[in-house]
């Protein structure tokens, strides 16, 4: 990449439009997000010019906010604001979900992480900038420019791979930790932490079940971005609101219609892992896509018995039915 292009983007990175307060000074959410993106590229979590809202990106942003913060304004919860408003700096662009294009033109349309995810498919960089950040030397120079300009007092606290390591630790907790211990960690979560846990729970459960519905056997993944756009659901057996349990023993991989039927208590699963249907609903005779066809069928379970649904969770769900 030519030197003029490098200089141009270094200038843009150090002249971002950031929020300011007379009392607290700058609130550099945008630089923190850009640092998280550079980390993601370096770790291999971002491999194409499509920046998705992944657990790794959210966790990296959260870690950077925590480690580099010097201002009471600088709160890690405000991920949606820089992800949306970086478009005003000219090199960051958003691709909306189908049919959602008009929402991004409306004033104050993105008000939360949830509304952002409901509207935006991914962000992407200028082609020239994307090519530039593939070069390790250029990427490091841009990183150091951000740290010197926006975090001069705390740049020594910068920890590379902080987001990736946080996600790896959380993954181990979901797969290996007792549910009671996990729930104690998860009770006092903020929106961003909850989003990290929710996104990772979905990934962990679908991987454990080999992206296969545990009841129907349907196996569906997106051929374009399988890890980011799974076409099956990860279902909590005991709802998160009641259990605060994202461990693998509280998860099932289900296709969307069976997920909704399970949540609506149209069927439950016995402790021997067989499907039992409620008497409280009827189906049209001869229906080929009904629920009762699975009565008495055993679940398709993960390869490791330690990852199977815990019987106590199945008991709680059955009582609710």
C-alpha atoms as a PDB file:
ATOM      1  CA  UNK A   1       0.000   0.000   0.000  1.00  0.00           C
ATOM      2  CA  UNK A   2       1.377   3.416  -0.931  1.00  0.00           C
ATOM      3  CA  UNK A   3       2.655   5.810   1.730  1.00  0.00           C
ATOM      4  CA  UNK A   4       0.125   8.562   0.859  1.00  0.00           C
ATOM      5  CA  UNK A   5      -2.766   6.166   1.523  1.00  0.00           C
ATOM      6  CA  UNK A   6      -1.205   5.164   4.843  1.00  0.00           C
ATOM      7  CA  UNK A   7      -0.752   8.787   5.862  1.00  0.00           C
ATOM      8  CA  UNK A   8      -4.310   9.653   4.811  1.00  0.00           C
ATOM      9  CA  UNK A   9      -5.854   6.978   7.007  1.00  0.00           C
ATOM     10  CA  UNK A  10      -3.545   7.739   9.920  1.00  0.00           C
ATOM     11  CA  UNK A  11      -4.835  11.315   9.710  1.00  0.00           C
ATOM     12  CA  UNK A  12      -8.447  10.139   9.635  1.00  0.00           C
ATOM     13  CA  UNK A  13      -7.907   7.822  12.589  1.00  0.00           C
ATOM     14  CA  UNK A  14      -6.463  10.649  14.683  1.00  0.00           C
ATOM     15  CA  UNK A  15      -9.155  13.174  13.676  1.00  0.00           C
ATOM     16  CA  UNK A  16     -12.326  11.223  14.412  1.00  0.00           C
ATOM     17  CA  UNK A  17     -15.523  12.974  15.384  1.00  0.00           C
ATOM     18  CA  UNK A  18     -15.735  11.985  19.032  1.00  0.00           C
ATOM     19  CA  UNK A  19     -18.154  13.097  21.721  1.00  0.00           C
ATOM     20  CA  UNK A  20     -16.813  15.771  24.086  1.00  0.00           C
ATOM     21  CA  UNK A  21     -17.858  17.163  27.438  1.00  0.00           C
ATOM     22  CA  UNK A  22     -16.488  20.200  29.278  1.00  0.00           C
ATOM     23  CA  UNK A  23     -16.520  18.231  32.496  1.00  0.00           C
ATOM     24  CA  UNK A  24     -15.190  14.880  31.314  1.00  0.00           C
ATOM     25  CA  UNK A  25     -13.374  15.639  28.063  1.00  0.00           C
ATOM     26  CA  UNK A  26     -13.459  13.174  25.174  1.00  0.00           C
ATOM     27  CA  UNK A  27     -15.455   9.965  25.248  1.00  0.00           C
ATOM     28  CA  UNK A  28     -13.546   7.951  22.631  1.00  0.00           C
ATOM     29  CA  UNK A  29     -15.920   5.101  21.813  1.00  0.00           C
ATOM     30  CA  UNK A  30     -14.956   5.214  18.148  1.00  0.00           C
ATOM     31  CA  UNK A  31     -11.219   4.717  18.765  1.00  0.00           C
ATOM     32  CA  UNK A  32     -11.999   1.811  21.102  1.00  0.00           C
ATOM     33  CA  UNK A  33     -14.134   0.167  18.418  1.00  0.00           C
ATOM     34  CA  UNK A  34     -11.406   0.637  15.806  1.00  0.00           C
ATOM     35  CA  UNK A  35      -8.852  -0.907  18.173  1.00  0.00           C
ATOM     36  CA  UNK A  36     -11.218  -3.861  18.667  1.00  0.00           C
ATOM     37  CA  UNK A  37     -11.505  -4.277  14.883  1.00  0.00           C
ATOM     38  CA  UNK A  38      -7.705  -4.204  14.460  1.00  0.00           C
ATOM     39  CA  UNK A  39      -7.429  -6.842  17.199  1.00  0.00           C
ATOM     40  CA  UNK A  40     -10.048  -8.962  15.435  1.00  0.00           C
ATOM     41  CA  UNK A  41      -8.152  -8.824  12.166  1.00  0.00           C
ATOM     42  CA  UNK A  42      -4.916  -9.759  13.905  1.00  0.00           C
ATOM     43  CA  UNK A  43      -6.513 -12.672  15.776  1.00  0.00           C
ATOM     44  CA  UNK A  44      -8.193 -13.987  12.635  1.00  0.00           C
ATOM     45  CA  UNK A  45     -11.700 -13.359  13.950  1.00  0.00           C
ATOM     46  CA  UNK A  46     -12.310 -10.874  11.108  1.00  0.00           C
ATOM     47  CA  UNK A  47     -11.157 -12.461   7.869  1.00  0.00           C
ATOM     48  CA  UNK A  48     -13.101 -10.535   5.274  1.00  0.00           C
ATOM     49  CA  UNK A  49     -14.278  -6.978   4.851  1.00  0.00           C
ATOM     50  CA  UNK A  50     -17.483  -7.692   6.745  1.00  0.00           C
ATOM     51  CA  UNK A  51     -17.393  -6.650  10.377  1.00  0.00           C
ATOM     52  CA  UNK A  52     -20.114  -8.553  12.195  1.00  0.00           C
ATOM     53  CA  UNK A  53     -21.264  -7.947  15.766  1.00  0.00           C
ATOM     54  CA  UNK A  54     -19.639 -11.063  17.208  1.00  0.00           C
ATOM     55  CA  UNK A  55     -18.937 -12.042  20.827  1.00  0.00           C
ATOM     56  CA  UNK A  56     -15.228 -11.430  20.139  1.00  0.00           C
ATOM     57  CA  UNK A  57     -15.805  -7.886  18.877  1.00  0.00           C
ATOM     58  CA  UNK A  58     -18.144  -7.022  21.755  1.00  0.00           C
ATOM     59  CA  UNK A  59     -15.781  -8.506  24.338  1.00  0.00           C
ATOM     60  CA  UNK A  60     -12.763  -6.689  22.869  1.00  0.00           C
ATOM     61  CA  UNK A  61     -14.630  -3.374  22.922  1.00  0.00           C
ATOM     62  CA  UNK A  62     -15.712  -4.002  26.510  1.00  0.00           C
ATOM     63  CA  UNK A  63     -12.177  -4.882  27.610  1.00  0.00           C
ATOM     64  CA  UNK A  64     -10.722  -1.800  25.940  1.00  0.00           C
ATOM     65  CA  UNK A  65     -13.299   0.438  27.585  1.00  0.00           C
ATOM     66  CA  UNK A  66     -12.512  -1.075  30.968  1.00  0.00           C
ATOM     67  CA  UNK A  67      -8.719  -0.992  30.604  1.00  0.00           C
ATOM     68  CA  UNK A  68      -8.269   2.380  28.884  1.00  0.00           C
ATOM     69  CA  UNK A  69     -11.066   4.444  30.397  1.00  0.00           C
ATOM     70  CA  UNK A  70     -10.227   7.780  32.041  1.00  0.00           C
ATOM     71  CA  UNK A  71     -13.672   9.376  31.854  1.00  0.00           C
ATOM     72  CA  UNK A  72     -16.981   8.856  33.616  1.00  0.00           C
ATOM     73  CA  UNK A  73     -18.575   9.270  30.195  1.00  0.00           C
ATOM     74  CA  UNK A  74     -16.655   6.339  28.778  1.00  0.00           C
ATOM     75  CA  UNK A  75     -19.003   3.425  29.427  1.00  0.00           C
ATOM     76  CA  UNK A  76     -18.609   0.059  27.721  1.00  0.00           C
ATOM     77  CA  UNK A  77     -22.376  -0.252  27.187  1.00  0.00           C
ATOM     78  CA  UNK A  78     -22.364   2.290  24.367  1.00  0.00           C
ATOM     79  CA  UNK A  79     -21.287  -0.103  21.588  1.00  0.00           C
ATOM     80  CA  UNK A  80     -24.189   0.737  19.274  1.00  0.00           C
ATOM     81  CA  UNK A  81     -23.276   4.427  19.109  1.00  0.00           C
ATOM     82  CA  UNK A  82     -19.772   4.148  17.601  1.00  0.00           C
ATOM     83  CA  UNK A  83     -20.760   1.240  15.357  1.00  0.00           C
ATOM     84  CA  UNK A  84     -23.473   3.430  13.850  1.00  0.00           C
ATOM     85  CA  UNK A  85     -21.871   6.873  13.991  1.00  0.00           C
ATOM     86  CA  UNK A  86     -18.468   5.888  12.579  1.00  0.00           C
ATOM     87  CA  UNK A  87     -20.213   6.233   9.222  1.00  0.00           C
ATOM     88  CA  UNK A  88     -19.773   9.993   9.668  1.00  0.00           C
ATOM     89  CA  UNK A  89     -15.992   9.631   9.390  1.00  0.00           C
ATOM     90  CA  UNK A  90     -16.130   8.523   5.781  1.00  0.00           C
ATOM     91  CA  UNK A  91     -14.300   5.179   5.774  1.00  0.00           C
ATOM     92  CA  UNK A  92     -16.791   3.028   7.764  1.00  0.00           C
ATOM     93  CA  UNK A  93     -19.966   1.842   6.052  1.00  0.00           C
ATOM     94  CA  UNK A  94     -23.012  -0.190   7.073  1.00  0.00           C
ATOM     95  CA  UNK A  95     -24.836  -2.912   5.189  1.00  0.00           C
ATOM     96  CA  UNK A  96     -28.421  -3.166   6.361  1.00  0.00           C
ATOM     97  CA  UNK A  97     -30.534  -6.275   6.602  1.00  0.00           C
ATOM     98  CA  UNK A  98     -33.009  -6.718   3.719  1.00  0.00           C
ATOM     99  CA  UNK A  99     -35.862  -4.238   3.941  1.00  0.00           C
ATOM    100  CA  UNK A 100     -34.255  -2.164   6.710  1.00  0.00           C
ATOM    101  CA  UNK A 101     -32.521   0.441   4.539  1.00  0.00           C
ATOM    102  CA  UNK A 102     -34.859   3.311   5.377  1.00  0.00           C
ATOM    103  CA  UNK A 103     -34.387   2.919   9.116  1.00  0.00           C
ATOM    104  CA  UNK A 104     -30.776   4.090   8.933  1.00  0.00           C
ATOM    105  CA  UNK A 105     -31.883   7.357   7.342  1.00  0.00           C
ATOM    106  CA  UNK A 106     -34.335   8.125  10.132  1.00  0.00           C
ATOM    107  CA  UNK A 107     -33.215  10.453  12.909  1.00  0.00           C
ATOM    108  CA  UNK A 108     -32.050   8.609  16.050  1.00  0.00           C
ATOM    109  CA  UNK A 109     -33.008   5.253  14.544  1.00  0.00           C
ATOM    110  CA  UNK A 110     -30.332   3.209  16.351  1.00  0.00           C
ATOM    111  CA  UNK A 111     -30.918   3.561  20.090  1.00  0.00           C
ATOM    112  CA  UNK A 112     -29.565   0.298  21.474  1.00  0.00           C
ATOM    113  CA  UNK A 113     -27.511  -2.750  20.655  1.00  0.00           C
ATOM    114  CA  UNK A 114     -30.705  -4.663  19.994  1.00  0.00           C
ATOM    115  CA  UNK A 115     -32.003  -2.118  17.476  1.00  0.00           C
ATOM    116  CA  UNK A 116     -28.572  -2.067  15.814  1.00  0.00           C
ATOM    117  CA  UNK A 117     -28.588  -5.848  15.378  1.00  0.00           C
ATOM    118  CA  UNK A 118     -32.174  -5.770  14.114  1.00  0.00           C
ATOM    119  CA  UNK A 119     -31.177  -3.248  11.439  1.00  0.00           C
ATOM    120  CA  UNK A 120     -27.560  -3.817  10.407  1.00  0.00           C
ATOM    121  CA  UNK A 121     -26.061  -6.959   8.860  1.00  0.00           C
ATOM    122  CA  UNK A 122     -22.441  -5.822   9.118  1.00  0.00           C
ATOM    123  CA  UNK A 123     -20.060  -2.915   8.689  1.00  0.00           C
ATOM    124  CA  UNK A 124     -17.290  -2.714   6.106  1.00  0.00           C
ATOM    125  CA  UNK A 125     -14.272  -0.484   5.477  1.00  0.00           C
ATOM    126  CA  UNK A 126     -13.098   1.407   2.423  1.00  0.00           C
ATOM    127  CA  UNK A 127     -11.408  -1.095   0.118  1.00  0.00           C
ATOM    128  CA  UNK A 128      -8.121   0.794   0.402  1.00  0.00           C
ATOM    129  CA  UNK A 129      -8.282   0.789   4.204  1.00  0.00           C
ATOM    130  CA  UNK A 130      -9.127  -2.909   4.286  1.00  0.00           C
ATOM    131  CA  UNK A 131      -6.071  -3.646   2.143  1.00  0.00           C
ATOM    132  CA  UNK A 132      -3.939  -1.450   4.396  1.00  0.00           C
ATOM    133  CA  UNK A 133      -4.907  -3.198   7.648  1.00  0.00           C
ATOM    134  CA  UNK A 134      -3.955  -6.578   6.175  1.00  0.00           C
ATOM    135  CA  UNK A 135      -0.321  -5.455   6.426  1.00  0.00           C
ATOM    136  CA  UNK A 136       1.009  -6.147   9.970  1.00  0.00           C
ATOM    137  CA  UNK A 137       3.325  -3.105  10.051  1.00  0.00           C
ATOM    138  CA  UNK A 138       0.635  -0.707   8.842  1.00  0.00           C
ATOM    139  CA  UNK A 139      -1.919  -2.215  11.204  1.00  0.00           C
ATOM    140  CA  UNK A 140       0.406  -1.716  14.179  1.00  0.00           C
ATOM    141  CA  UNK A 141       1.142   1.867  13.179  1.00  0.00           C
ATOM    142  CA  UNK A 142      -2.571   2.653  13.004  1.00  0.00           C
ATOM    143  CA  UNK A 143      -3.080   0.998  16.392  1.00  0.00           C
ATOM    144  CA  UNK A 144      -0.315   3.038  17.986  1.00  0.00           C
ATOM    145  CA  UNK A 145      -1.671   6.219  16.414  1.00  0.00           C
ATOM    146  CA  UNK A 146      -5.057   5.565  18.061  1.00  0.00           C
ATOM    147  CA  UNK A 147      -3.462   4.799  21.427  1.00  0.00           C
ATOM    148  CA  UNK A 148      -1.224   7.900  21.404  1.00  0.00           C
ATOM    149  CA  UNK A 149      -3.995  10.243  20.282  1.00  0.00           C
ATOM    150  CA  UNK A 150      -6.944   9.080  22.381  1.00  0.00           C
ATOM    151  CA  UNK A 151      -5.401   7.159  25.290  1.00  0.00           C
ATOM    152  CA  UNK A 152      -2.105   8.919  26.084  1.00  0.00           C
ATOM    153  CA  UNK A 153      -2.360   8.321  29.832  1.00  0.00           C
ATOM    154  CA  UNK A 154      -3.495   4.703  29.725  1.00  0.00           C
ATOM    155  CA  UNK A 155      -2.051   3.252  26.511  1.00  0.00           C
ATOM    156  CA  UNK A 156       0.362   1.120  28.549  1.00  0.00           C
ATOM    157  CA  UNK A 157      -2.708  -0.802  29.801  1.00  0.00           C
ATOM    158  CA  UNK A 158      -3.581  -1.980  26.310  1.00  0.00           C
ATOM    159  CA  UNK A 159      -3.762  -5.778  26.246  1.00  0.00           C
ATOM    160  CA  UNK A 160      -3.762  -7.469  22.829  1.00  0.00           C
ATOM    161  CA  UNK A 161      -6.150 -10.429  22.453  1.00  0.00           C
ATOM    162  CA  UNK A 162      -8.125  -9.334  25.532  1.00  0.00           C
ATOM    163  CA  UNK A 163     -11.456  -9.869  23.767  1.00  0.00           C
ATOM    164  CA  UNK A 164     -10.510 -13.240  22.312  1.00  0.00           C
ATOM    165  CA  UNK A 165      -9.190 -14.468  25.648  1.00  0.00           C
ATOM    166  CA  UNK A 166     -12.351 -13.294  27.433  1.00  0.00           C
ATOM    167  CA  UNK A 167     -14.514 -15.235  24.956  1.00  0.00           C
ATOM    168  CA  UNK A 168     -12.346 -18.349  25.275  1.00  0.00           C
ATOM    169  CA  UNK A 169     -12.657 -18.218  29.063  1.00  0.00           C
ATOM    170  CA  UNK A 170     -16.425 -17.772  28.848  1.00  0.00           C
ATOM    171  CA  UNK A 171     -16.632 -20.662  26.397  1.00  0.00           C
ATOM    172  CA  UNK A 172     -14.821 -22.908  28.874  1.00  0.00           C
ATOM    173  CA  UNK A 173     -17.268 -21.846  31.588  1.00  0.00           C
ATOM    174  CA  UNK A 174     -20.263 -22.714  29.395  1.00  0.00           C
ATOM    175  CA  UNK A 175     -18.880 -26.138  28.534  1.00  0.00           C
ATOM    176  CA  UNK A 176     -17.260 -27.141  31.824  1.00  0.00           C
ATOM    177  CA  UNK A 177     -18.510 -25.074  34.767  1.00  0.00           C
ATOM    178  CA  UNK A 178     -21.310 -26.142  37.164  1.00  0.00           C
ATOM    179  CA  UNK A 179     -24.517 -24.270  36.433  1.00  0.00           C
ATOM    180  CA  UNK A 180     -24.730 -22.763  39.925  1.00  0.00           C
ATOM    181  CA  UNK A 181     -21.246 -21.288  39.671  1.00  0.00           C
ATOM    182  CA  UNK A 182     -21.958 -19.910  36.203  1.00  0.00           C
ATOM    183  CA  UNK A 183     -25.249 -18.353  37.328  1.00  0.00           C
ATOM    184  CA  UNK A 184     -23.488 -16.439  40.108  1.00  0.00           C
ATOM    185  CA  UNK A 185     -21.186 -14.856  37.515  1.00  0.00           C
ATOM    186  CA  UNK A 186     -24.035 -13.986  35.178  1.00  0.00           C
ATOM    187  CA  UNK A 187     -26.579 -12.429  37.546  1.00  0.00           C
ATOM    188  CA  UNK A 188     -25.281  -8.860  37.465  1.00  0.00           C
ATOM    189  CA  UNK A 189     -24.694  -8.478  33.732  1.00  0.00           C
ATOM    190  CA  UNK A 190     -25.097  -5.312  31.698  1.00  0.00           C
ATOM    191  CA  UNK A 191     -26.474  -5.190  28.144  1.00  0.00           C
ATOM    192  CA  UNK A 192     -23.089  -5.685  26.505  1.00  0.00           C
ATOM    193  CA  UNK A 193     -22.053  -8.586  28.721  1.00  0.00           C
ATOM    194  CA  UNK A 194     -25.449 -10.215  28.179  1.00  0.00           C
ATOM    195  CA  UNK A 195     -24.992  -9.840  24.404  1.00  0.00           C
ATOM    196  CA  UNK A 196     -21.571 -11.509  24.562  1.00  0.00           C
ATOM    197  CA  UNK A 197     -22.988 -14.409  26.568  1.00  0.00           C
ATOM    198  CA  UNK A 198     -26.065 -14.774  24.351  1.00  0.00           C
ATOM    199  CA  UNK A 199     -24.067 -14.804  21.119  1.00  0.00           C
ATOM    200  CA  UNK A 200     -21.555 -17.289  22.485  1.00  0.00           C
ATOM    201  CA  UNK A 201     -24.282 -19.551  23.947  1.00  0.00           C
ATOM    202  CA  UNK A 202     -25.813 -19.857  20.490  1.00  0.00           C
ATOM    203  CA  UNK A 203     -22.474 -20.708  18.926  1.00  0.00           C
ATOM    204  CA  UNK A 204     -21.480 -23.225  21.628  1.00  0.00           C
ATOM    205  CA  UNK A 205     -24.818 -25.056  21.553  1.00  0.00           C
ATOM    206  CA  UNK A 206     -24.981 -25.330  17.756  1.00  0.00           C
ATOM    207  CA  UNK A 207     -21.391 -26.549  17.579  1.00  0.00           C
ATOM    208  CA  UNK A 208     -22.077 -29.177  20.276  1.00  0.00           C
ATOM    209  CA  UNK A 209     -25.068 -30.450  18.282  1.00  0.00           C
ATOM    210  CA  UNK A 210     -23.156 -30.266  14.970  1.00  0.00           C
ATOM    211  CA  UNK A 211     -25.621 -27.650  13.653  1.00  0.00           C
ATOM    212  CA  UNK A 212     -28.324 -30.330  13.703  1.00  0.00           C
ATOM    213  CA  UNK A 213     -31.812 -30.035  15.176  1.00  0.00           C
ATOM    214  CA  UNK A 214     -31.895 -32.438  18.142  1.00  0.00           C
ATOM    215  CA  UNK A 215     -35.433 -33.556  17.274  1.00  0.00           C
ATOM    216  CA  UNK A 216     -36.004 -33.349  13.517  1.00  0.00           C
ATOM    217  CA  UNK A 217     -32.417 -34.084  12.464  1.00  0.00           C
ATOM    218  CA  UNK A 218     -32.488 -31.098  10.124  1.00  0.00           C
ATOM    219  CA  UNK A 219     -28.981 -29.733   9.544  1.00  0.00           C
ATOM    220  CA  UNK A 220     -28.826 -26.194   8.195  1.00  0.00           C
ATOM    221  CA  UNK A 221     -25.979 -23.709   8.058  1.00  0.00           C
ATOM    222  CA  UNK A 222     -25.473 -20.698   5.868  1.00  0.00           C
ATOM    223  CA  UNK A 223     -22.874 -21.511   3.215  1.00  0.00           C
ATOM    224  CA  UNK A 224     -21.701 -17.898   3.141  1.00  0.00           C
ATOM    225  CA  UNK A 225     -20.925 -17.279   6.809  1.00  0.00           C
ATOM    226  CA  UNK A 226     -21.842 -20.433   8.732  1.00  0.00           C
ATOM    227  CA  UNK A 227     -20.386 -19.349  12.070  1.00  0.00           C
ATOM    228  CA  UNK A 228     -22.166 -16.015  12.050  1.00  0.00           C
ATOM    229  CA  UNK A 229     -25.543 -16.792  10.491  1.00  0.00           C
ATOM    230  CA  UNK A 230     -26.737 -20.171  11.782  1.00  0.00           C
ATOM    231  CA  UNK A 231     -30.151 -21.136  10.503  1.00  0.00           C
ATOM    232  CA  UNK A 232     -31.007 -23.166  13.623  1.00  0.00           C
ATOM    233  CA  UNK A 233     -31.775 -21.845  17.103  1.00  0.00           C
ATOM    234  CA  UNK A 234     -30.012 -22.439  20.400  1.00  0.00           C
ATOM    235  CA  UNK A 235     -32.793 -22.927  22.918  1.00  0.00           C
ATOM    236  CA  UNK A 236     -32.597 -22.537  26.708  1.00  0.00           C
ATOM    237  CA  UNK A 237     -34.375 -25.457  28.375  1.00  0.00           C
ATOM    238  CA  UNK A 238     -35.059 -23.438  31.525  1.00  0.00           C
ATOM    239  CA  UNK A 239     -35.498 -19.820  30.379  1.00  0.00           C
ATOM    240  CA  UNK A 240     -32.547 -17.494  30.969  1.00  0.00           C
ATOM    241  CA  UNK A 241     -34.746 -15.091  32.959  1.00  0.00           C
ATOM    242  CA  UNK A 242     -35.369 -17.839  35.526  1.00  0.00           C
ATOM    243  CA  UNK A 243     -32.052 -19.669  35.529  1.00  0.00           C
ATOM    244  CA  UNK A 244     -29.288 -17.298  34.368  1.00  0.00           C
ATOM    245  CA  UNK A 245     -27.865 -20.527  32.988  1.00  0.00           C
ATOM    246  CA  UNK A 246     -26.019 -20.440  29.669  1.00  0.00           C
ATOM    247  CA  UNK A 247     -24.101 -23.651  30.287  1.00  0.00           C
ATOM    248  CA  UNK A 248     -24.335 -26.410  27.686  1.00  0.00           C
ATOM    249  CA  UNK A 249     -26.534 -28.586  29.916  1.00  0.00           C
ATOM    250  CA  UNK A 250     -29.296 -25.988  29.623  1.00  0.00           C
ATOM    251  CA  UNK A 251     -29.172 -25.826  25.833  1.00  0.00           C
ATOM    252  CA  UNK A 252     -30.795 -27.562  22.875  1.00  0.00           C
ATOM    253  CA  UNK A 253     -30.344 -27.055  19.139  1.00  0.00           C
ATOM    254  CA  UNK A 254     -33.779 -26.824  17.540  1.00  0.00           C
ATOM    255  CA  UNK A 255     -35.204 -25.637  14.243  1.00  0.00           C
ATOM    256  CA  UNK A 256     -37.237 -22.432  14.709  1.00  0.00           C
ATOM    257  CA  UNK A 257     -40.723 -24.003  14.628  1.00  0.00           C
ATOM    258  CA  UNK A 258     -39.807 -26.636  17.232  1.00  0.00           C
ATOM    259  CA  UNK A 259     -38.084 -23.981  19.343  1.00  0.00           C
ATOM    260  CA  UNK A 260     -41.301 -21.980  19.463  1.00  0.00           C
ATOM    261  CA  UNK A 261     -43.385 -25.071  20.196  1.00  0.00           C
ATOM    262  CA  UNK A 262     -40.998 -25.998  23.033  1.00  0.00           C
ATOM    263  CA  UNK A 263     -41.182 -22.488  24.512  1.00  0.00           C
ATOM    264  CA  UNK A 264     -44.993 -22.638  24.288  1.00  0.00           C
ATOM    265  CA  UNK A 265     -44.968 -25.976  26.168  1.00  0.00           C
ATOM    266  CA  UNK A 266     -46.513 -27.999  23.330  1.00  0.00           C
ATOM    267  CA  UNK A 267     -44.006 -30.744  24.106  1.00  0.00           C
ATOM    268  CA  UNK A 268     -41.366 -31.607  26.669  1.00  0.00           C
ATOM    269  CA  UNK A 269     -38.459 -34.029  26.892  1.00  0.00           C
ATOM    270  CA  UNK A 270     -38.331 -36.842  29.426  1.00  0.00           C
ATOM    271  CA  UNK A 271     -35.226 -37.609  31.458  1.00  0.00           C
ATOM    272  CA  UNK A 272     -34.488 -40.522  29.109  1.00  0.00           C
ATOM    273  CA  UNK A 273     -34.301 -37.915  26.311  1.00  0.00           C
ATOM    274  CA  UNK A 274     -37.527 -38.861  24.550  1.00  0.00           C
ATOM    275  CA  UNK A 275     -40.049 -36.343  23.192  1.00  0.00           C
ATOM    276  CA  UNK A 276     -43.485 -36.198  24.826  1.00  0.00           C
ATOM    277  CA  UNK A 277     -46.299 -34.105  23.373  1.00  0.00           C
ATOM    278  CA  UNK A 278     -48.909 -32.187  25.318  1.00  0.00           C
ATOM    279  CA  UNK A 279     -52.579 -33.111  25.023  1.00  0.00           C
ATOM    280  CA  UNK A 280     -53.474 -29.434  24.910  1.00  0.00           C
ATOM    281  CA  UNK A 281     -53.253 -28.968  21.133  1.00  0.00           C
ATOM    282  CA  UNK A 282     -54.530 -30.658  17.976  1.00  0.00           C
ATOM    283  CA  UNK A 283     -53.051 -31.063  14.522  1.00  0.00           C
ATOM    284  CA  UNK A 284     -54.704 -31.507  11.131  1.00  0.00           C
ATOM    285  CA  UNK A 285     -54.803 -35.178  10.212  1.00  0.00           C
ATOM    286  CA  UNK A 286     -52.018 -36.170   7.853  1.00  0.00           C
ATOM    287  CA  UNK A 287     -49.927 -33.046   8.519  1.00  0.00           C
ATOM    288  CA  UNK A 288     -46.387 -33.642   7.235  1.00  0.00           C
ATOM    289  CA  UNK A 289     -44.717 -30.929   9.290  1.00  0.00           C
ATOM    290  CA  UNK A 290     -46.446 -31.424  12.609  1.00  0.00           C
ATOM    291  CA  UNK A 291     -45.102 -31.958  16.104  1.00  0.00           C
ATOM    292  CA  UNK A 292     -46.853 -35.180  17.112  1.00  0.00           C
ATOM    293  CA  UNK A 293     -44.830 -37.180  14.596  1.00  0.00           C
ATOM    294  CA  UNK A 294     -41.922 -36.879  17.054  1.00  0.00           C
ATOM    295  CA  UNK A 295     -43.805 -38.405  20.017  1.00  0.00           C
ATOM    296  CA  UNK A 296     -41.596 -41.034  21.666  1.00  0.00           C
ATOM    297  CA  UNK A 297     -38.556 -40.175  19.537  1.00  0.00           C
ATOM    298  CA  UNK A 298     -35.172 -39.938  21.262  1.00  0.00           C
ATOM    299  CA  UNK A 299     -33.087 -36.795  20.909  1.00  0.00           C
ATOM    300  CA  UNK A 300     -30.025 -36.664  18.689  1.00  0.00           C
ATOM    301  CA  UNK A 301     -27.481 -35.776  21.370  1.00  0.00           C
ATOM    302  CA  UNK A 302     -23.967 -34.296  21.330  1.00  0.00           C
ATOM    303  CA  UNK A 303     -20.980 -36.624  20.994  1.00  0.00           C
ATOM    304  CA  UNK A 304     -19.868 -35.921  24.573  1.00  0.00           C
ATOM    305  CA  UNK A 305     -22.297 -37.078  27.308  1.00  0.00           C
ATOM    306  CA  UNK A 306     -21.060 -34.186  29.479  1.00  0.00           C
ATOM    307  CA  UNK A 307     -22.792 -31.872  26.999  1.00  0.00           C
ATOM    308  CA  UNK A 308     -26.189 -33.604  27.135  1.00  0.00           C
ATOM    309  CA  UNK A 309     -29.153 -31.736  28.692  1.00  0.00           C
ATOM    310  CA  UNK A 310     -29.073 -32.018  32.472  1.00  0.00           C
ATOM    311  CA  UNK A 311     -31.989 -34.098  33.840  1.00  0.00           C
ATOM    312  CA  UNK A 312     -32.829 -31.473  36.464  1.00  0.00           C
ATOM    313  CA  UNK A 313     -33.444 -28.910  33.705  1.00  0.00           C
ATOM    314  CA  UNK A 314     -35.688 -31.327  31.835  1.00  0.00           C
ATOM    315  CA  UNK A 315     -37.637 -31.951  35.067  1.00  0.00           C
ATOM    316  CA  UNK A 316     -38.173 -28.213  35.576  1.00  0.00           C
ATOM    317  CA  UNK A 317     -39.425 -27.837  32.019  1.00  0.00           C
ATOM    318  CA  UNK A 318     -41.763 -30.828  32.344  1.00  0.00           C
ATOM    319  CA  UNK A 319     -43.343 -29.418  35.517  1.00  0.00           C
ATOM    320  CA  UNK A 320     -43.972 -26.162  33.655  1.00  0.00           C
ATOM    321  CA  UNK A 321     -45.788 -28.079  30.909  1.00  0.00           C
END
